[in-house]
mmCIF file of all heavy atoms, coordinates in Angstrom:
data_MODEL
# 
_entry.id   MODEL 
# 
loop_
_atom_site.group_PDB 
_atom_site.id 
_atom_site.type_symbol 
_atom_site.label_atom_id 
_atom_site.label_alt_id 
_atom_site.label_comp_id 
_atom_site.label_asym_id 
_atom_site.label_entity_id 
_atom_site.label_seq_id 
_atom_site.pdbx_PDB_ins_code 
_atom_site.Cartn_x 
_atom_site.Cartn_y 
_atom_site.Cartn_z 
_atom_site.occupancy 
_atom_site.B_iso_or_equiv 
_atom_site.pdbx_formal_charge 
_atom_site.auth_seq_id 
_atom_site.auth_comp_id 
_atom_site.auth_asym_id 
_atom_site.auth_atom_id 
_atom_site.pdbx_PDB_model_num 
ATOM 1   N N   . THR A 1 1  ? 56.581 95.769  95.672  1.00 0.00 ? 1  THR A N   1 
ATOM 2   C CA  . THR A 1 1  ? 56.299 97.161  96.004  1.00 0.00 ? 1  THR A CA  1 
ATOM 3   C C   . THR A 1 1  ? 56.985 97.552  97.308  1.00 0.00 ? 1  THR A C   1 
ATOM 4   O O   . THR A 1 1  ? 57.347 96.693  98.125  1.00 0.00 ? 1  THR A O   1 
ATOM 5   C CB  . THR A 1 1  ? 54.789 97.387  96.156  1.00 0.00 ? 1  THR A CB  1 
ATOM 6   O OG1 . THR A 1 1  ? 54.304 96.606  97.263  1.00 0.00 ? 1  THR A OG1 1 
ATOM 7   C CG2 . THR A 1 1  ? 54.050 96.965  94.885  1.00 0.00 ? 1  THR A CG2 1 
ATOM 8   N N   . ASP A 1 2  ? 57.130 98.867  97.489  1.00 0.00 ? 2  ASP A N   1 
ATOM 9   C CA  . ASP A 1 2  ? 57.711 99.364  98.737  1.00 0.00 ? 2  ASP A CA  1 
ATOM 10  C C   . ASP A 1 2  ? 56.898 98.913  99.945  1.00 0.00 ? 2  ASP A C   1 
ATOM 11  O O   . ASP A 1 2  ? 57.451 98.593  101.001 1.00 0.00 ? 2  ASP A O   1 
ATOM 12  C CB  . ASP A 1 2  ? 57.779 100.893 98.716  1.00 0.00 ? 2  ASP A CB  1 
ATOM 13  C CG  . ASP A 1 2  ? 58.779 101.424 97.697  1.00 0.00 ? 2  ASP A CG  1 
ATOM 14  O OD1 . ASP A 1 2  ? 59.206 100.643 96.820  1.00 0.00 ? 2  ASP A OD1 1 
ATOM 15  O OD2 . ASP A 1 2  ? 59.119 102.613 97.767  1.00 0.00 ? 2  ASP A OD2 1 
ATOM 16  N N   . ASN A 1 3  ? 55.571 98.892  99.797  1.00 0.00 ? 3  ASN A N   1 
ATOM 17  C CA  . ASN A 1 3  ? 54.703 98.517  100.914 1.00 0.00 ? 3  ASN A CA  1 
ATOM 18  C C   . ASN A 1 3  ? 54.890 97.058  101.324 1.00 0.00 ? 3  ASN A C   1 
ATOM 19  O O   . ASN A 1 3  ? 54.651 96.706  102.484 1.00 0.00 ? 3  ASN A O   1 
ATOM 20  C CB  . ASN A 1 3  ? 53.237 98.761  100.548 1.00 0.00 ? 3  ASN A CB  1 
ATOM 21  C CG  . ASN A 1 3  ? 52.916 100.239 100.453 1.00 0.00 ? 3  ASN A CG  1 
ATOM 22  O OD1 . ASN A 1 3  ? 53.564 101.068 101.096 1.00 0.00 ? 3  ASN A OD1 1 
ATOM 23  N ND2 . ASN A 1 3  ? 51.913 100.590 99.659  1.00 0.00 ? 3  ASN A ND2 1 
ATOM 24  N N   . LYS A 1 4  ? 55.313 96.208  100.385 1.00 0.00 ? 4  LYS A N   1 
ATOM 25  C CA  . LYS A 1 4  ? 55.555 94.805  100.728 1.00 0.00 ? 4  LYS A CA  1 
ATOM 26  C C   . LYS A 1 4  ? 56.888 94.637  101.458 1.00 0.00 ? 4  LYS A C   1 
ATOM 27  O O   . LYS A 1 4  ? 57.033 93.747  102.298 1.00 0.00 ? 4  LYS A O   1 
ATOM 28  C CB  . LYS A 1 4  ? 55.566 93.959  99.441  1.00 0.00 ? 4  LYS A CB  1 
ATOM 29  C CG  . LYS A 1 4  ? 54.236 93.847  98.742  1.00 0.00 ? 4  LYS A CG  1 
ATOM 30  C CD  . LYS A 1 4  ? 53.323 92.880  99.455  1.00 0.00 ? 4  LYS A CD  1 
ATOM 31  C CE  . LYS A 1 4  ? 52.015 92.690  98.702  1.00 0.00 ? 4  LYS A CE  1 
ATOM 32  N NZ  . LYS A 1 4  ? 52.198 92.028  97.390  1.00 0.00 ? 4  LYS A NZ  1 
ATOM 33  N N   . ILE A 1 5  ? 57.854 95.479  101.124 1.00 0.00 ? 5  ILE A N   1 
ATOM 34  C CA  . ILE A 1 5  ? 59.185 95.369  101.740 1.00 0.00 ? 5  ILE A CA  1 
ATOM 35  C C   . ILE A 1 5  ? 59.247 96.076  103.089 1.00 0.00 ? 5  ILE A C   1 
ATOM 36  O O   . ILE A 1 5  ? 59.935 95.621  104.002 1.00 0.00 ? 5  ILE A O   1 
ATOM 37  C CB  . ILE A 1 5  ? 60.264 95.934  100.790 1.00 0.00 ? 5  ILE A CB  1 
ATOM 38  C CG1 . ILE A 1 5  ? 60.346 95.086  99.521  1.00 0.00 ? 5  ILE A CG1 1 
ATOM 39  C CG2 . ILE A 1 5  ? 61.622 95.987  101.468 1.00 0.00 ? 5  ILE A CG2 1 
ATOM 40  C CD1 . ILE A 1 5  ? 60.759 93.646  99.751  1.00 0.00 ? 5  ILE A CD1 1 
ATOM 41  N N   . LYS A 1 6  ? 58.519 97.165  103.231 1.00 0.00 ? 6  LYS A N   1 
ATOM 42  C CA  . LYS A 1 6  ? 58.652 97.986  104.442 1.00 0.00 ? 6  LYS A CA  1 
ATOM 43  C C   . LYS A 1 6  ? 58.413 97.210  105.741 1.00 0.00 ? 6  LYS A C   1 
ATOM 44  O O   . LYS A 1 6  ? 59.158 97.395  106.725 1.00 0.00 ? 6  LYS A O   1 
ATOM 45  C CB  . LYS A 1 6  ? 57.724 99.194  104.374 1.00 0.00 ? 6  LYS A CB  1 
ATOM 46  C CG  . LYS A 1 6  ? 58.060 100.257 105.416 1.00 0.00 ? 6  LYS A CG  1 
ATOM 47  C CD  . LYS A 1 6  ? 57.373 101.572 105.132 1.00 0.00 ? 6  LYS A CD  1 
ATOM 48  C CE  . LYS A 1 6  ? 57.825 102.648 106.107 1.00 0.00 ? 6  LYS A CE  1 
ATOM 49  N NZ  . LYS A 1 6  ? 57.196 103.951 105.822 1.00 0.00 ? 6  LYS A NZ  1 
ATOM 50  N N   . PRO A 1 7  ? 57.411 96.324  105.830 1.00 0.00 ? 7  PRO A N   1 
ATOM 51  C CA  . PRO A 1 7  ? 57.249 95.565  107.085 1.00 0.00 ? 7  PRO A CA  1 
ATOM 52  C C   . PRO A 1 7  ? 58.434 94.658  107.401 1.00 0.00 ? 7  PRO A C   1 
ATOM 53  O O   . PRO A 1 7  ? 58.625 94.267  108.558 1.00 0.00 ? 7  PRO A O   1 
ATOM 54  C CB  . PRO A 1 7  ? 55.988 94.722  106.820 1.00 0.00 ? 7  PRO A CB  1 
ATOM 55  C CG  . PRO A 1 7  ? 55.248 95.460  105.751 1.00 0.00 ? 7  PRO A CG  1 
ATOM 56  C CD  . PRO A 1 7  ? 56.307 96.066  104.892 1.00 0.00 ? 7  PRO A CD  1 
ATOM 57  N N   . LEU A 1 8  ? 59.237 94.319  106.377 1.00 0.00 ? 8  LEU A N   1 
ATOM 58  C CA  . LEU A 1 8  ? 60.413 93.475  106.586 1.00 0.00 ? 8  LEU A CA  1 
ATOM 59  C C   . LEU A 1 8  ? 61.666 94.296  106.873 1.00 0.00 ? 8  LEU A C   1 
ATOM 60  O O   . LEU A 1 8  ? 62.711 93.726  107.194 1.00 0.00 ? 8  LEU A O   1 
ATOM 61  C CB  . LEU A 1 8  ? 60.664 92.599  105.346 1.00 0.00 ? 8  LEU A CB  1 
ATOM 62  C CG  . LEU A 1 8  ? 59.495 91.723  104.888 1.00 0.00 ? 8  LEU A CG  1 
ATOM 63  C CD1 . LEU A 1 8  ? 59.851 91.013  103.588 1.00 0.00 ? 8  LEU A CD1 1 
ATOM 64  C CD2 . LEU A 1 8  ? 59.127 90.715  105.976 1.00 0.00 ? 8  LEU A CD2 1 
ATOM 65  N N   . ALA A 1 9  ? 61.543 95.618  106.732 1.00 0.00 ? 9  ALA A N   1 
ATOM 66  C CA  . ALA A 1 9  ? 62.706 96.501  106.873 1.00 0.00 ? 9  ALA A CA  1 
ATOM 67  C C   . ALA A 1 9  ? 62.850 96.966  108.309 1.00 0.00 ? 9  ALA A C   1 
ATOM 68  O O   . ALA A 1 9  ? 62.800 98.168  108.620 1.00 0.00 ? 9  ALA A O   1 
ATOM 69  C CB  . ALA A 1 9  ? 62.584 97.686  105.917 1.00 0.00 ? 9  ALA A CB  1 
ATOM 70  N N   . THR A 1 10 ? 63.042 96.016  109.208 1.00 0.00 ? 10 THR A N   1 
ATOM 71  C CA  . THR A 1 10 ? 63.175 96.323  110.627 1.00 0.00 ? 10 THR A CA  1 
ATOM 72  C C   . THR A 1 10 ? 64.627 96.267  111.087 1.00 0.00 ? 10 THR A C   1 
ATOM 73  O O   . THR A 1 10 ? 64.910 96.485  112.267 1.00 0.00 ? 10 THR A O   1 
ATOM 74  C CB  . THR A 1 10 ? 62.358 95.325  111.458 1.00 0.00 ? 10 THR A CB  1 
ATOM 75  O OG1 . THR A 1 10 ? 62.847 94.007  111.195 1.00 0.00 ? 10 THR A OG1 1 
ATOM 76  C CG2 . THR A 1 10 ? 60.878 95.399  111.092 1.00 0.00 ? 10 THR A CG2 1 
ATOM 77  N N   . GLY A 1 11 ? 65.523 95.946  110.175 1.00 0.00 ? 11 GLY A N   1 
ATOM 78  C CA  . GLY A 1 11 ? 66.919 95.794  110.542 1.00 0.00 ? 11 GLY A CA  1 
ATOM 79  C C   . GLY A 1 11 ? 67.266 94.391  111.000 1.00 0.00 ? 11 GLY A C   1 
ATOM 80  O O   . GLY A 1 11 ? 68.442 94.092  111.229 1.00 0.00 ? 11 GLY A O   1 
ATOM 81  N N   . GLN A 1 12 ? 66.288 93.515  111.126 1.00 0.00 ? 12 GLN A N   1 
ATOM 82  C CA  . GLN A 1 12 ? 66.563 92.165  111.595 1.00 0.00 ? 12 GLN A CA  1 
ATOM 83  C C   . GLN A 1 12 ? 66.947 91.256  110.432 1.00 0.00 ? 12 GLN A C   1 
ATOM 84  O O   . GLN A 1 12 ? 66.702 91.570  109.265 1.00 0.00 ? 12 GLN A O   1 
ATOM 85  C CB  . GLN A 1 12 ? 65.339 91.586  112.314 1.00 0.00 ? 12 GLN A CB  1 
ATOM 86  C CG  . GLN A 1 12 ? 64.163 91.251  111.404 1.00 0.00 ? 12 GLN A CG  1 
ATOM 87  C CD  . GLN A 1 12 ? 62.923 90.859  112.192 1.00 0.00 ? 12 GLN A CD  1 
ATOM 88  O OE1 . GLN A 1 12 ? 62.115 91.711  112.568 1.00 0.00 ? 12 GLN A OE1 1 
ATOM 89  N NE2 . GLN A 1 12 ? 62.773 89.563  112.446 1.00 0.00 ? 12 GLN A NE2 1 
ATOM 90  N N   . VAL A 1 13 ? 67.555 90.120  110.763 1.00 0.00 ? 13 VAL A N   1 
ATOM 91  C CA  . VAL A 1 13 ? 67.929 89.134  109.753 1.00 0.00 ? 13 VAL A CA  1 
ATOM 92  C C   . VAL A 1 13 ? 67.056 87.902  109.898 1.00 0.00 ? 13 VAL A C   1 
ATOM 93  O O   . VAL A 1 13 ? 66.458 87.660  110.955 1.00 0.00 ? 13 VAL A O   1 
ATOM 94  C CB  . VAL A 1 13 ? 69.423 88.738  109.864 1.00 0.00 ? 13 VAL A CB  1 
ATOM 95  C CG1 . VAL A 1 13 ? 70.320 89.921  109.554 1.00 0.00 ? 13 VAL A CG1 1 
ATOM 96  C CG2 . VAL A 1 13 ? 69.732 88.162  111.242 1.00 0.00 ? 13 VAL A CG2 1 
ATOM 97  N N   . TRP A 1 14 ? 66.984 87.142  108.808 1.00 0.00 ? 14 TRP A N   1 
ATOM 98  C CA  . TRP A 1 14 ? 66.268 85.872  108.804 1.00 0.00 ? 14 TRP A CA  1 
ATOM 99  C C   . TRP A 1 14 ? 67.188 84.788  108.264 1.00 0.00 ? 14 TRP A C   1 
ATOM 100 O O   . TRP A 1 14 ? 68.093 85.072  107.473 1.00 0.00 ? 14 TRP A O   1 
ATOM 101 C CB  . TRP A 1 14 ? 65.025 85.953  107.907 1.00 0.00 ? 14 TRP A CB  1 
ATOM 102 C CG  . TRP A 1 14 ? 63.903 86.763  108.459 1.00 0.00 ? 14 TRP A CG  1 
ATOM 103 C CD1 . TRP A 1 14 ? 62.870 86.329  109.234 1.00 0.00 ? 14 TRP A CD1 1 
ATOM 104 C CD2 . TRP A 1 14 ? 63.693 88.163  108.285 1.00 0.00 ? 14 TRP A CD2 1 
ATOM 105 N NE1 . TRP A 1 14 ? 62.030 87.372  109.553 1.00 0.00 ? 14 TRP A NE1 1 
ATOM 106 C CE2 . TRP A 1 14 ? 62.515 88.518  108.977 1.00 0.00 ? 14 TRP A CE2 1 
ATOM 107 C CE3 . TRP A 1 14 ? 64.388 89.178  107.616 1.00 0.00 ? 14 TRP A CE3 1 
ATOM 108 C CZ2 . TRP A 1 14 ? 62.019 89.799  109.022 1.00 0.00 ? 14 TRP A CZ2 1 
ATOM 109 C CZ3 . TRP A 1 14 ? 63.906 90.468  107.659 1.00 0.00 ? 14 TRP A CZ3 1 
ATOM 110 C CH2 . TRP A 1 14 ? 62.734 90.771  108.364 1.00 0.00 ? 14 TRP A CH2 1 
ATOM 111 N N   . THR A 1 15 ? 66.938 83.553  108.675 1.00 0.00 ? 15 THR A N   1 
ATOM 112 C CA  . THR A 1 15 ? 67.671 82.457  108.067 1.00 0.00 ? 15 THR A CA  1 
ATOM 113 C C   . THR A 1 15 ? 67.152 82.243  106.643 1.00 0.00 ? 15 THR A C   1 
ATOM 114 O O   . THR A 1 15 ? 66.073 82.730  106.286 1.00 0.00 ? 15 THR A O   1 
ATOM 115 C CB  . THR A 1 15 ? 67.475 81.145  108.866 1.00 0.00 ? 15 THR A CB  1 
ATOM 116 O OG1 . THR A 1 15 ? 66.102 80.742  108.782 1.00 0.00 ? 15 THR A OG1 1 
ATOM 117 C CG2 . THR A 1 15 ? 67.879 81.332  110.312 1.00 0.00 ? 15 THR A CG2 1 
ATOM 118 N N   . GLY A 1 16 ? 67.932 81.508  105.850 1.00 0.00 ? 16 GLY A N   1 
ATOM 119 C CA  . GLY A 1 16 ? 67.473 81.218  104.501 1.00 0.00 ? 16 GLY A CA  1 
ATOM 120 C C   . GLY A 1 16 ? 66.138 80.506  104.501 1.00 0.00 ? 16 GLY A C   1 
ATOM 121 O O   . GLY A 1 16 ? 65.267 80.775  103.663 1.00 0.00 ? 16 GLY A O   1 
ATOM 122 N N   . GLU A 1 17 ? 65.949 79.609  105.457 1.00 0.00 ? 17 GLU A N   1 
ATOM 123 C CA  . GLU A 1 17 ? 64.689 78.869  105.559 1.00 0.00 ? 17 GLU A CA  1 
ATOM 124 C C   . GLU A 1 17 ? 63.527 79.811  105.832 1.00 0.00 ? 17 GLU A C   1 
ATOM 125 O O   . GLU A 1 17 ? 62.425 79.653  105.280 1.00 0.00 ? 17 GLU A O   1 
ATOM 126 C CB  . GLU A 1 17 ? 64.804 77.822  106.670 1.00 0.00 ? 17 GLU A CB  1 
ATOM 127 C CG  . GLU A 1 17 ? 63.616 76.898  106.781 1.00 0.00 ? 17 GLU A CG  1 
ATOM 128 C CD  . GLU A 1 17 ? 63.794 75.871  107.881 1.00 0.00 ? 17 GLU A CD  1 
ATOM 129 O OE1 . GLU A 1 17 ? 64.116 76.281  109.028 1.00 0.00 ? 17 GLU A OE1 1 
ATOM 130 O OE2 . GLU A 1 17 ? 63.642 74.674  107.602 1.00 0.00 ? 17 GLU A OE2 1 
ATOM 131 N N   . GLN A 1 18 ? 63.737 80.821  106.690 1.00 0.00 ? 18 GLN A N   1 
ATOM 132 C CA  . GLN A 1 18 ? 62.690 81.795  106.986 1.00 0.00 ? 18 GLN A CA  1 
ATOM 133 C C   . GLN A 1 18 ? 62.495 82.794  105.851 1.00 0.00 ? 18 GLN A C   1 
ATOM 134 O O   . GLN A 1 18 ? 61.380 83.272  105.612 1.00 0.00 ? 18 GLN A O   1 
ATOM 135 C CB  . GLN A 1 18 ? 63.052 82.560  108.267 1.00 0.00 ? 18 GLN A CB  1 
ATOM 136 C CG  . GLN A 1 18 ? 63.084 81.723  109.529 1.00 0.00 ? 18 GLN A CG  1 
ATOM 137 C CD  . GLN A 1 18 ? 63.647 82.505  110.703 1.00 0.00 ? 18 GLN A CD  1 
ATOM 138 O OE1 . GLN A 1 18 ? 64.584 83.307  110.550 1.00 0.00 ? 18 GLN A OE1 1 
ATOM 139 N NE2 . GLN A 1 18 ? 63.100 82.278  111.897 1.00 0.00 ? 18 GLN A NE2 1 
ATOM 140 N N   . ALA A 1 19 ? 63.593 83.115  105.157 1.00 0.00 ? 19 ALA A N   1 
ATOM 141 C CA  . ALA A 1 19 ? 63.545 84.171  104.144 1.00 0.00 ? 19 ALA A CA  1 
ATOM 142 C C   . ALA A 1 19 ? 62.804 83.751  102.884 1.00 0.00 ? 19 ALA A C   1 
ATOM 143 O O   . ALA A 1 19 ? 62.235 84.590  102.188 1.00 0.00 ? 19 ALA A O   1 
ATOM 144 C CB  . ALA A 1 19 ? 64.969 84.602  103.782 1.00 0.00 ? 19 ALA A CB  1 
ATOM 145 N N   . LEU A 1 20 ? 62.803 82.449  102.582 1.00 0.00 ? 20 LEU A N   1 
ATOM 146 C CA  . LEU A 1 20 ? 62.176 81.980  101.345 1.00 0.00 ? 20 LEU A CA  1 
ATOM 147 C C   . LEU A 1 20 ? 60.684 82.310  101.289 1.00 0.00 ? 20 LEU A C   1 
ATOM 148 O O   . LEU A 1 20 ? 60.225 82.928  100.317 1.00 0.00 ? 20 LEU A O   1 
ATOM 149 C CB  . LEU A 1 20 ? 62.410 80.479  101.181 1.00 0.00 ? 20 LEU A CB  1 
ATOM 150 C CG  . LEU A 1 20 ? 61.866 79.859  99.878  1.00 0.00 ? 20 LEU A CG  1 
ATOM 151 C CD1 . LEU A 1 20 ? 62.529 80.495  98.662  1.00 0.00 ? 20 LEU A CD1 1 
ATOM 152 C CD2 . LEU A 1 20 ? 62.082 78.345  99.880  1.00 0.00 ? 20 LEU A CD2 1 
ATOM 153 N N   . PRO A 1 21 ? 59.876 81.951  102.294 1.00 0.00 ? 21 PRO A N   1 
ATOM 154 C CA  . PRO A 1 21 ? 58.444 82.305  102.217 1.00 0.00 ? 21 PRO A CA  1 
ATOM 155 C C   . PRO A 1 21 ? 58.178 83.803  102.309 1.00 0.00 ? 21 PRO A C   1 
ATOM 156 O O   . PRO A 1 21 ? 57.110 84.267  101.908 1.00 0.00 ? 21 PRO A O   1 
ATOM 157 C CB  . PRO A 1 21 ? 57.830 81.551  103.403 1.00 0.00 ? 21 PRO A CB  1 
ATOM 158 C CG  . PRO A 1 21 ? 58.953 81.310  104.348 1.00 0.00 ? 21 PRO A CG  1 
ATOM 159 C CD  . PRO A 1 21 ? 60.163 81.129  103.489 1.00 0.00 ? 21 PRO A CD  1 
ATOM 160 N N   . LEU A 1 22 ? 59.150 84.560  102.822 1.00 0.00 ? 22 LEU A N   1 
ATOM 161 C CA  . LEU A 1 22 ? 58.987 86.019  102.894 1.00 0.00 ? 22 LEU A CA  1 
ATOM 162 C C   . LEU A 1 22 ? 59.294 86.691  101.562 1.00 0.00 ? 22 LEU A C   1 
ATOM 163 O O   . LEU A 1 22 ? 59.067 87.894  101.411 1.00 0.00 ? 22 LEU A O   1 
ATOM 164 C CB  . LEU A 1 22 ? 59.906 86.600  103.978 1.00 0.00 ? 22 LEU A CB  1 
ATOM 165 C CG  . LEU A 1 22 ? 59.601 86.191  105.423 1.00 0.00 ? 22 LEU A CG  1 
ATOM 166 C CD1 . LEU A 1 22 ? 60.666 86.738  106.368 1.00 0.00 ? 22 LEU A CD1 1 
ATOM 167 C CD2 . LEU A 1 22 ? 58.212 86.670  105.843 1.00 0.00 ? 22 LEU A CD2 1 
ATOM 168 N N   . GLY A 1 23 ? 59.829 85.925  100.621 1.00 0.00 ? 23 GLY A N   1 
ATOM 169 C CA  . GLY A 1 23 ? 60.153 86.487  99.309  1.00 0.00 ? 23 GLY A CA  1 
ATOM 170 C C   . GLY A 1 23 ? 61.475 87.220  99.266  1.00 0.00 ? 23 GLY A C   1 
ATOM 171 O O   . GLY A 1 23 ? 61.764 87.923  98.292  1.00 0.00 ? 23 GLY A O   1 
ATOM 172 N N   . LEU A 1 24 ? 62.310 87.044  100.300 1.00 0.00 ? 24 LEU A N   1 
ATOM 173 C CA  . LEU A 1 24 ? 63.599 87.727  100.319 1.00 0.00 ? 24 LEU A CA  1 
ATOM 174 C C   . LEU A 1 24 ? 64.663 86.978  99.520  1.00 0.00 ? 24 LEU A C   1 
ATOM 175 O O   . LEU A 1 24 ? 65.662 87.565  99.122  1.00 0.00 ? 24 LEU A O   1 
ATOM 176 C CB  . LEU A 1 24 ? 64.077 87.909  101.762 1.00 0.00 ? 24 LEU A CB  1 
ATOM 177 C CG  . LEU A 1 24 ? 63.256 88.887  102.620 1.00 0.00 ? 24 LEU A CG  1 
ATOM 178 C CD1 . LEU A 1 24 ? 63.748 88.882  104.054 1.00 0.00 ? 24 LEU A CD1 1 
ATOM 179 C CD2 . LEU A 1 24 ? 63.305 90.288  102.037 1.00 0.00 ? 24 LEU A CD2 1 
ATOM 180 N N   . ILE A 1 25 ? 64.468 85.680  99.319  1.00 0.00 ? 25 ILE A N   1 
ATOM 181 C CA  . ILE A 1 25 ? 65.357 84.901  98.457  1.00 0.00 ? 25 ILE A CA  1 
ATOM 182 C C   . ILE A 1 25 ? 64.483 84.078  97.509  1.00 0.00 ? 25 ILE A C   1 
ATOM 183 O O   . ILE A 1 25 ? 63.263 83.980  97.692  1.00 0.00 ? 25 ILE A O   1 
ATOM 184 C CB  . ILE A 1 25 ? 66.303 83.975  99.258  1.00 0.00 ? 25 ILE A CB  1 
ATOM 185 C CG1 . ILE A 1 25 ? 65.517 82.878  99.969  1.00 0.00 ? 25 ILE A CG1 1 
ATOM 186 C CG2 . ILE A 1 25 ? 67.125 84.779  100.251 1.00 0.00 ? 25 ILE A CG2 1 
ATOM 187 C CD1 . ILE A 1 25 ? 66.403 81.810  100.614 1.00 0.00 ? 25 ILE A CD1 1 
# 
């Protein structure tokens, strides 16, 4: 949902290791 992505939409990047638990990869 948009509400799940919006807190991650800060313009910052994450490493692959960090992105996995966030659901970005």
